[in-house]
Amino acid sequence: MDEEIAVGDNVSVRKSTNVPLSFKGTVEKLYANSALLTITSFAEADASLVEDLKHKTVVNYKHIRKGGKAVIPPKPEENK
C-alpha cells in the first residue's frame, strides 16, 4: 500500500534517467505533481552536484519513496 506524503517527512529518491542522483531528504513543500526536497544524505561522489543544487531539488512523486513504499500525491485543495 502506498504511503501518504506530508511536509517534514523523511523520504528517499533513487537515481534514474530523470533524477541525477540517489539521496535521502526531507519534504519542504508539496506541489500538484512534485515535491520540494532538502537533500540530507547522499553519496560522497555526488557532493559537487548537491552543492550546485544548494541542497534542494524538486522531484516528481513517482520517484519518491517513503519507508520503501511509493507515495500518494496530496489531494488538491478546493477553493471555497
PDB file of N, CA and C in Angstrom:
ATOM      1  N   MET A   1       0.844  -1.192   0.000  1.00  0.00           N
ATOM      2  CA  MET A   1       0.000   0.000   0.000  1.00  0.00           C
ATOM      3  C   MET A   1       0.884   1.248   0.000  1.00  0.00           C
ATOM      4  N   ASP A   2       0.494   2.235  -0.736  1.00  0.00           N
ATOM      5  CA  ASP A   2       1.269   3.470  -0.837  1.00  0.00           C
ATOM      6  C   ASP A   2       1.152   4.303   0.437  1.00  0.00           C
ATOM      7  N   GLU A   3       2.149   5.141   0.680  1.00  0.00           N
ATOM      8  CA  GLU A   3       2.209   5.990   1.864  1.00  0.00           C
ATOM      9  C   GLU A   3       1.790   7.413   1.519  1.00  0.00           C
ATOM     10  N   GLU A   4       1.072   8.066   2.428  1.00  0.00           N
ATOM     11  CA  GLU A   4       0.757   9.482   2.238  1.00  0.00           C
ATOM     12  C   GLU A   4       2.015  10.291   2.513  1.00  0.00           C
ATOM     13  N   ILE A   5       2.153  11.413   1.821  1.00  0.00           N
ATOM     14  CA  ILE A   5       3.326  12.264   1.979  1.00  0.00           C
ATOM     15  C   ILE A   5       2.901  13.598   2.586  1.00  0.00           C
ATOM     16  N   ALA A   6       3.741  14.123   3.473  1.00  0.00           N
ATOM     17  CA  ALA A   6       3.436  15.394   4.131  1.00  0.00           C
ATOM     18  C   ALA A   6       4.735  16.165   4.331  1.00  0.00           C
ATOM     19  N   VAL A   7       4.603  17.482   4.518  1.00  0.00           N
ATOM     20  CA  VAL A   7       5.767  18.326   4.791  1.00  0.00           C
ATOM     21  C   VAL A   7       6.442  17.812   6.063  1.00  0.00           C
ATOM     22  N   GLY A   8       7.767  17.704   6.015  1.00  0.00           N
ATOM     23  CA  GLY A   8       8.536  17.229   7.156  1.00  0.00           C
ATOM     24  C   GLY A   8       8.885  15.751   7.093  1.00  0.00           C
ATOM     25  N   ASP A   9       8.274  14.997   6.171  1.00  0.00           N
ATOM     26  CA  ASP A   9       8.562  13.572   6.043  1.00  0.00           C
ATOM     27  C   ASP A   9       9.976  13.352   5.525  1.00  0.00           C
ATOM     28  N   ASN A  10      10.613  12.286   6.024  1.00  0.00           N
ATOM     29  CA  ASN A  10      11.909  11.851   5.506  1.00  0.00           C
ATOM     30  C   ASN A  10      11.636  10.833   4.405  1.00  0.00           C
ATOM     31  N   VAL A  11      12.228  11.059   3.231  1.00  0.00           N
ATOM     32  CA  VAL A  11      11.974  10.217   2.063  1.00  0.00           C
ATOM     33  C   VAL A  11      13.294   9.847   1.388  1.00  0.00           C
ATOM     34  N   SER A  12      13.212   8.908   0.443  1.00  0.00           N
ATOM     35  CA  SER A  12      14.386   8.552  -0.345  1.00  0.00           C
ATOM     36  C   SER A  12      14.036   8.642  -1.823  1.00  0.00           C
ATOM     37  N   VAL A  13      15.063   8.917  -2.630  1.00  0.00           N
ATOM     38  CA  VAL A  13      14.904   9.049  -4.081  1.00  0.00           C
ATOM     39  C   VAL A  13      16.017   8.242  -4.735  1.00  0.00           C
ATOM     40  N   ARG A  14      15.662   7.412  -5.706  1.00  0.00           N
ATOM     41  CA  ARG A  14      16.639   6.606  -6.429  1.00  0.00           C
ATOM     42  C   ARG A  14      17.042   7.289  -7.731  1.00  0.00           C
ATOM     43  N   LYS A  15      18.296   7.111  -8.109  1.00  0.00           N
ATOM     44  CA  LYS A  15      18.801   7.655  -9.364  1.00  0.00           C
ATOM     45  C   LYS A  15      18.072   6.997 -10.530  1.00  0.00           C
ATOM     46  N   SER A  16      17.712   7.805 -11.543  1.00  0.00           N
ATOM     47  CA  SER A  16      17.052   7.299 -12.747  1.00  0.00           C
ATOM     48  C   SER A  16      17.373   8.247 -13.894  1.00  0.00           C
ATOM     49  N   THR A  17      16.745   8.031 -15.021  1.00  0.00           N
ATOM     50  CA  THR A  17      17.002   8.914 -16.164  1.00  0.00           C
ATOM     51  C   THR A  17      16.541  10.341 -15.878  1.00  0.00           C
ATOM     52  N   ASN A  18      15.525  10.513 -15.020  1.00  0.00           N
ATOM     53  CA  ASN A  18      15.009  11.837 -14.701  1.00  0.00           C
ATOM     54  C   ASN A  18      15.578  12.434 -13.422  1.00  0.00           C
ATOM     55  N   VAL A  19      16.281  11.625 -12.641  1.00  0.00           N
ATOM     56  CA  VAL A  19      16.844  12.081 -11.368  1.00  0.00           C
ATOM     57  C   VAL A  19      18.347  11.791 -11.405  1.00  0.00           C
ATOM     58  N   PRO A  20      19.196  12.820 -11.300  1.00  0.00           N
ATOM     59  CA  PRO A  20      20.633  12.626 -11.494  1.00  0.00           C
ATOM     60  C   PRO A  20      21.386  11.946 -10.350  1.00  0.00           C
ATOM     61  N   LEU A  21      20.765  11.785  -9.172  1.00  0.00           N
ATOM     62  CA  LEU A  21      21.458  11.142  -8.065  1.00  0.00           C
ATOM     63  C   LEU A  21      20.476  10.492  -7.112  1.00  0.00           C
ATOM     64  N   SER A  22      20.963   9.504  -6.346  1.00  0.00           N
ATOM     65  CA  SER A  22      20.177   8.884  -5.288  1.00  0.00           C
ATOM     66  C   SER A  22      20.472   9.637  -4.004  1.00  0.00           C
ATOM     67  N   PHE A  23      19.431   9.884  -3.211  1.00  0.00           N
ATOM     68  CA  PHE A  23      19.643  10.606  -1.961  1.00  0.00           C
ATOM     69  C   PHE A  23      18.478  10.402  -1.006  1.00  0.00           C
ATOM     70  N   LYS A  24      18.685  10.813   0.228  1.00  0.00           N
ATOM     71  CA  LYS A  24      17.615  10.873   1.221  1.00  0.00           C
ATOM     72  C   LYS A  24      17.393  12.338   1.519  1.00  0.00           C
ATOM     73  N   GLY A  25      16.137  12.686   1.797  1.00  0.00           N
ATOM     74  CA  GLY A  25      15.834  14.086   2.029  1.00  0.00           C
ATOM     75  C   GLY A  25      14.596  14.284   2.869  1.00  0.00           C
ATOM     76  N   THR A  26      14.276  15.552   3.076  1.00  0.00           N
ATOM     77  CA  THR A  26      13.118  15.958   3.857  1.00  0.00           C
ATOM     78  C   THR A  26      12.194  16.785   2.975  1.00  0.00           C
ATOM     79  N   VAL A  27      10.896  16.504   3.042  1.00  0.00           N
ATOM     80  CA  VAL A  27       9.903  17.227   2.249  1.00  0.00           C
ATOM     81  C   VAL A  27       9.744  18.635   2.804  1.00  0.00           C
ATOM     82  N   GLU A  28       9.943  19.646   1.946  1.00  0.00           N
ATOM     83  CA  GLU A  28       9.805  21.049   2.342  1.00  0.00           C
ATOM     84  C   GLU A  28       8.489  21.659   1.875  1.00  0.00           C
ATOM     85  N   LYS A  29       8.039  21.265   0.656  1.00  0.00           N
ATOM     86  CA  LYS A  29       6.816  21.835   0.096  1.00  0.00           C
ATOM     87  C   LYS A  29       6.213  20.832  -0.874  1.00  0.00           C
ATOM     88  N   LEU A  30       4.883  20.775  -0.912  1.00  0.00           N
ATOM     89  CA  LEU A  30       4.181  19.874  -1.817  1.00  0.00           C
ATOM     90  C   LEU A  30       3.540  20.655  -2.951  1.00  0.00           C
ATOM     91  N   TYR A  31       3.674  20.138  -4.162  1.00  0.00           N
ATOM     92  CA  TYR A  31       3.057  20.728  -5.344  1.00  0.00           C
ATOM     93  C   TYR A  31       2.084  19.704  -5.930  1.00  0.00           C
ATOM     94  N   ALA A  32       1.433  20.026  -7.036  1.00  0.00           N
ATOM     95  CA  ALA A  32       0.450  19.126  -7.647  1.00  0.00           C
ATOM     96  C   ALA A  32       1.075  17.805  -8.095  1.00  0.00           C
ATOM     97  N   ASN A  33       2.240  17.860  -8.722  1.00  0.00           N
ATOM     98  CA  ASN A  33       2.857  16.650  -9.275  1.00  0.00           C
ATOM     99  C   ASN A  33       4.239  16.338  -8.720  1.00  0.00           C
ATOM    100  N   SER A  34       4.735  17.186  -7.817  1.00  0.00           N
ATOM    101  CA  SER A  34       6.087  17.004  -7.318  1.00  0.00           C
ATOM    102  C   SER A  34       6.228  17.612  -5.932  1.00  0.00           C
ATOM    103  N   ALA A  35       7.407  17.407  -5.346  1.00  0.00           N
ATOM    104  CA  ALA A  35       7.678  17.951  -4.016  1.00  0.00           C
ATOM    105  C   ALA A  35       9.061  18.587  -3.998  1.00  0.00           C
ATOM    106  N   LEU A  36       9.205  19.664  -3.227  1.00  0.00           N
ATOM    107  CA  LEU A  36      10.498  20.295  -2.999  1.00  0.00           C
ATOM    108  C   LEU A  36      11.146  19.554  -1.841  1.00  0.00           C
ATOM    109  N   LEU A  37      12.348  19.030  -2.070  1.00  0.00           N
ATOM    110  CA  LEU A  37      13.058  18.254  -1.063  1.00  0.00           C
ATOM    111  C   LEU A  37      14.367  18.917  -0.688  1.00  0.00           C
ATOM    112  N   THR A  38      14.710  18.878   0.595  1.00  0.00           N
ATOM    113  CA  THR A  38      16.042  19.256   1.051  1.00  0.00           C
ATOM    114  C   THR A  38      16.854  17.974   1.097  1.00  0.00           C
ATOM    115  N   ILE A  39      18.001  17.965   0.430  1.00  0.00           N
ATOM    116  CA  ILE A  39      18.851  16.775   0.368  1.00  0.00           C
ATOM    117  C   ILE A  39      19.646  16.691   1.667  1.00  0.00           C
ATOM    118  N   THR A  40      19.472  15.581   2.411  1.00  0.00           N
ATOM    119  CA  THR A  40      20.128  15.436   3.710  1.00  0.00           C
ATOM    120  C   THR A  40      21.220  14.378   3.716  1.00  0.00           C
ATOM    121  N   SER A  41      21.128  13.375   2.853  1.00  0.00           N
ATOM    122  CA  SER A  41      22.114  12.298   2.824  1.00  0.00           C
ATOM    123  C   SER A  41      22.326  11.867   1.377  1.00  0.00           C
ATOM    124  N   PHE A  42      23.597  11.767   0.961  1.00  0.00           N
ATOM    125  CA  PHE A  42      23.904  11.450  -0.428  1.00  0.00           C
ATOM    126  C   PHE A  42      25.296  10.845  -0.506  1.00  0.00           C
ATOM    127  N   ALA A  43      25.619  10.251  -1.656  1.00  0.00           N
ATOM    128  CA  ALA A  43      26.936   9.651  -1.873  1.00  0.00           C
ATOM    129  C   ALA A  43      27.991  10.752  -1.993  1.00  0.00           C
ATOM    130  N   GLU A  44      29.159  10.503  -1.451  1.00  0.00           N
ATOM    131  CA  GLU A  44      30.254  11.482  -1.489  1.00  0.00           C
ATOM    132  C   GLU A  44      30.580  11.898  -2.931  1.00  0.00           C
ATOM    133  N   ALA A  45      30.421  10.970  -3.869  1.00  0.00           N
ATOM    134  CA  ALA A  45      30.712  11.264  -5.276  1.00  0.00           C
ATOM    135  C   ALA A  45      29.765  12.316  -5.849  1.00  0.00           C
ATOM    136  N   ASP A  46      28.603  12.488  -5.230  1.00  0.00           N
ATOM    137  CA  ASP A  46      27.607  13.459  -5.713  1.00  0.00           C
ATOM    138  C   ASP A  46      27.696  14.803  -4.999  1.00  0.00           C
ATOM    139  N   ALA A  47      28.711  15.021  -4.174  1.00  0.00           N
ATOM    140  CA  ALA A  47      28.804  16.234  -3.355  1.00  0.00           C
ATOM    141  C   ALA A  47      28.784  17.516  -4.188  1.00  0.00           C
ATOM    142  N   SER A  48      29.497  17.554  -5.307  1.00  0.00           N
ATOM    143  CA  SER A  48      29.533  18.788  -6.106  1.00  0.00           C
ATOM    144  C   SER A  48      28.170  19.064  -6.739  1.00  0.00           C
ATOM    145  N   LEU A  49      27.462  18.016  -7.162  1.00  0.00           N
ATOM    146  CA  LEU A  49      26.121  18.200  -7.735  1.00  0.00           C
ATOM    147  C   LEU A  49      25.153  18.716  -6.669  1.00  0.00           C
ATOM    148  N   VAL A  50      25.240  18.176  -5.467  1.00  0.00           N
ATOM    149  CA  VAL A  50      24.372  18.623  -4.374  1.00  0.00           C
ATOM    150  C   VAL A  50      24.665  20.083  -4.033  1.00  0.00           C
ATOM    151  N   GLU A  51      25.929  20.472  -4.048  1.00  0.00           N
ATOM    152  CA  GLU A  51      26.288  21.873  -3.803  1.00  0.00           C
ATOM    153  C   GLU A  51      25.699  22.774  -4.898  1.00  0.00           C
ATOM    154  N   ASP A  52      25.782  22.323  -6.157  1.00  0.00           N
ATOM    155  CA  ASP A  52      25.204  23.100  -7.265  1.00  0.00           C
ATOM    156  C   ASP A  52      23.700  23.285  -7.081  1.00  0.00           C
ATOM    157  N   LEU A  53      23.040  22.280  -6.511  1.00  0.00           N
ATOM    158  CA  LEU A  53      21.597  22.333  -6.275  1.00  0.00           C
ATOM    159  C   LEU A  53      21.246  23.079  -4.987  1.00  0.00           C
ATOM    160  N   LYS A  54      22.268  23.541  -4.255  1.00  0.00           N
ATOM    161  CA  LYS A  54      22.057  24.239  -2.975  1.00  0.00           C
ATOM    162  C   LYS A  54      21.302  23.360  -1.975  1.00  0.00           C
ATOM    163  N   HIS A  55      21.527  22.038  -2.060  1.00  0.00           N
ATOM    164  CA  HIS A  55      20.924  21.044  -1.161  1.00  0.00           C
ATOM    165  C   HIS A  55      19.404  20.975  -1.273  1.00  0.00           C
ATOM    166  N   LYS A  56      18.836  21.467  -2.380  1.00  0.00           N
ATOM    167  CA  LYS A  56      17.388  21.395  -2.594  1.00  0.00           C
ATOM    168  C   LYS A  56      17.115  21.004  -4.044  1.00  0.00           C
ATOM    169  N   THR A  57      16.023  20.269  -4.256  1.00  0.00           N
ATOM    170  CA  THR A  57      15.613  19.911  -5.603  1.00  0.00           C
ATOM    171  C   THR A  57      14.127  19.570  -5.612  1.00  0.00           C
ATOM    172  N   VAL A  58      13.502  19.669  -6.783  1.00  0.00           N
ATOM    173  CA  VAL A  58      12.107  19.302  -6.958  1.00  0.00           C
ATOM    174  C   VAL A  58      12.072  17.956  -7.672  1.00  0.00           C
ATOM    175  N   VAL A  59      11.287  17.015  -7.118  1.00  0.00           N
ATOM    176  CA  VAL A  59      11.230  15.658  -7.656  1.00  0.00           C
ATOM    177  C   VAL A  59       9.770  15.244  -7.833  1.00  0.00           C
ATOM    178  N   ASN A  60       9.472  14.598  -8.955  1.00  0.00           N
ATOM    179  CA  ASN A  60       8.135  14.075  -9.216  1.00  0.00           C
ATOM    180  C   ASN A  60       7.810  12.997  -8.179  1.00  0.00           C
ATOM    181  N   TYR A  61       6.552  12.911  -7.770  1.00  0.00           N
ATOM    182  CA  TYR A  61       6.141  11.941  -6.751  1.00  0.00           C
ATOM    183  C   TYR A  61       6.465  10.500  -7.139  1.00  0.00           C
ATOM    184  N   LYS A  62       6.459  10.176  -8.440  1.00  0.00           N
ATOM    185  CA  LYS A  62       6.701   8.792  -8.846  1.00  0.00           C
ATOM    186  C   LYS A  62       8.132   8.345  -8.538  1.00  0.00           C
ATOM    187  N   HIS A  63       9.047   9.279  -8.259  1.00  0.00           N
ATOM    188  CA  HIS A  63      10.427   8.924  -7.935  1.00  0.00           C
ATOM    189  C   HIS A  63      10.694   8.921  -6.428  1.00  0.00           C
ATOM    190  N   ILE A  64       9.702   9.304  -5.630  1.00  0.00           N
ATOM    191  CA  ILE A  64       9.884   9.429  -4.183  1.00  0.00           C
ATOM    192  C   ILE A  64       9.371   8.187  -3.474  1.00  0.00           C
ATOM    193  N   ARG A  65      10.135   7.706  -2.489  1.00  0.00           N
ATOM    194  CA  ARG A  65       9.746   6.564  -1.668  1.00  0.00           C
ATOM    195  C   ARG A  65       9.778   6.975  -0.206  1.00  0.00           C
ATOM    196  N   LYS A  66       8.790   6.515   0.540  1.00  0.00           N
ATOM    197  CA  LYS A  66       8.721   6.768   1.988  1.00  0.00           C
ATOM    198  C   LYS A  66       8.612   5.409   2.661  1.00  0.00           C
ATOM    199  N   GLY A  67       9.606   5.064   3.462  1.00  0.00           N
ATOM    200  CA  GLY A  67       9.601   3.750   4.091  1.00  0.00           C
ATOM    201  C   GLY A  67       9.658   2.624   3.080  1.00  0.00           C
ATOM    202  N   GLY A  68      10.288   2.878   1.930  1.00  0.00           N
ATOM    203  CA  GLY A  68      10.410   1.860   0.886  1.00  0.00           C
ATOM    204  C   GLY A  68       9.180   1.712   0.013  1.00  0.00           C
ATOM    205  N   LYS A  69       8.147   2.500   0.266  1.00  0.00           N
ATOM    206  CA  LYS A  69       6.902   2.409  -0.497  1.00  0.00           C
ATOM    207  C   LYS A  69       6.685   3.676  -1.311  1.00  0.00           C
ATOM    208  N   ALA A  70       5.946   3.532  -2.409  1.00  0.00           N
ATOM    209  CA  ALA A  70       5.588   4.687  -3.234  1.00  0.00           C
ATOM    210  C   ALA A  70       4.732   5.639  -2.408  1.00  0.00           C
ATOM    211  N   VAL A  71       4.733   6.909  -2.788  1.00  0.00           N
ATOM    212  CA  VAL A  71       3.946   7.906  -2.049  1.00  0.00           C
ATOM    213  C   VAL A  71       2.685   8.286  -2.818  1.00  0.00           C
ATOM    214  N   ILE A  72       1.693   8.732  -2.073  1.00  0.00           N
ATOM    215  CA  ILE A  72       0.439   9.203  -2.646  1.00  0.00           C
ATOM    216  C   ILE A  72       0.510  10.726  -2.729  1.00  0.00           C
ATOM    217  N   PRO A  73       0.303  11.308  -3.911  1.00  0.00           N
ATOM    218  CA  PRO A  73       0.302  12.775  -4.015  1.00  0.00           C
ATOM    219  C   PRO A  73      -0.829  13.358  -3.154  1.00  0.00           C
ATOM    220  N   PRO A  74      -0.643  14.556  -2.632  1.00  0.00           N
ATOM    221  CA  PRO A  74      -1.701  15.165  -1.816  1.00  0.00           C
ATOM    222  C   PRO A  74      -2.920  15.495  -2.679  1.00  0.00           C
ATOM    223  N   LYS A  75      -4.074  15.479  -2.045  1.00  0.00           N
ATOM    224  CA  LYS A  75      -5.293  15.851  -2.774  1.00  0.00           C
ATOM    225  C   LYS A  75      -5.286  17.353  -3.003  1.00  0.00           C
ATOM    226  N   PRO A  76      -5.702  17.794  -4.192  1.00  0.00           N
ATOM    227  CA  PRO A  76      -5.734  19.252  -4.446  1.00  0.00           C
ATOM    228  C   PRO A  76      -6.731  19.935  -3.524  1.00  0.00           C
ATOM    229  N   GLU A  77      -6.348  21.107  -3.058  1.00  0.00           N
ATOM    230  CA  GLU A  77      -7.230  21.872  -2.172  1.00  0.00           C
ATOM    231  C   GLU A  77      -8.300  22.553  -3.014  1.00  0.00           C
ATOM    232  N   GLU A  78      -9.524  22.484  -2.535  1.00  0.00           N
ATOM    233  CA  GLU A  78     -10.627  23.119  -3.248  1.00  0.00           C
ATOM    234  C   GLU A  78     -10.778  24.557  -2.755  1.00  0.00           C
ATOM    235  N   ASN A  79     -10.960  25.469  -3.691  1.00  0.00           N
ATOM    236  CA  ASN A  79     -11.181  26.869  -3.325  1.00  0.00           C
ATOM    237  C   ASN A  79     -12.636  27.042  -2.905  1.00  0.00           C
ATOM    238  N   LYS A  80     -12.832  27.735  -1.815  1.00  0.00           N
ATOM    239  CA  LYS A  80     -14.188  27.935  -1.310  1.00  0.00           C
ATOM    240  C   LYS A  80     -14.654  29.336  -1.567  1.00  0.00           C
TER     241      LYS A  80
END
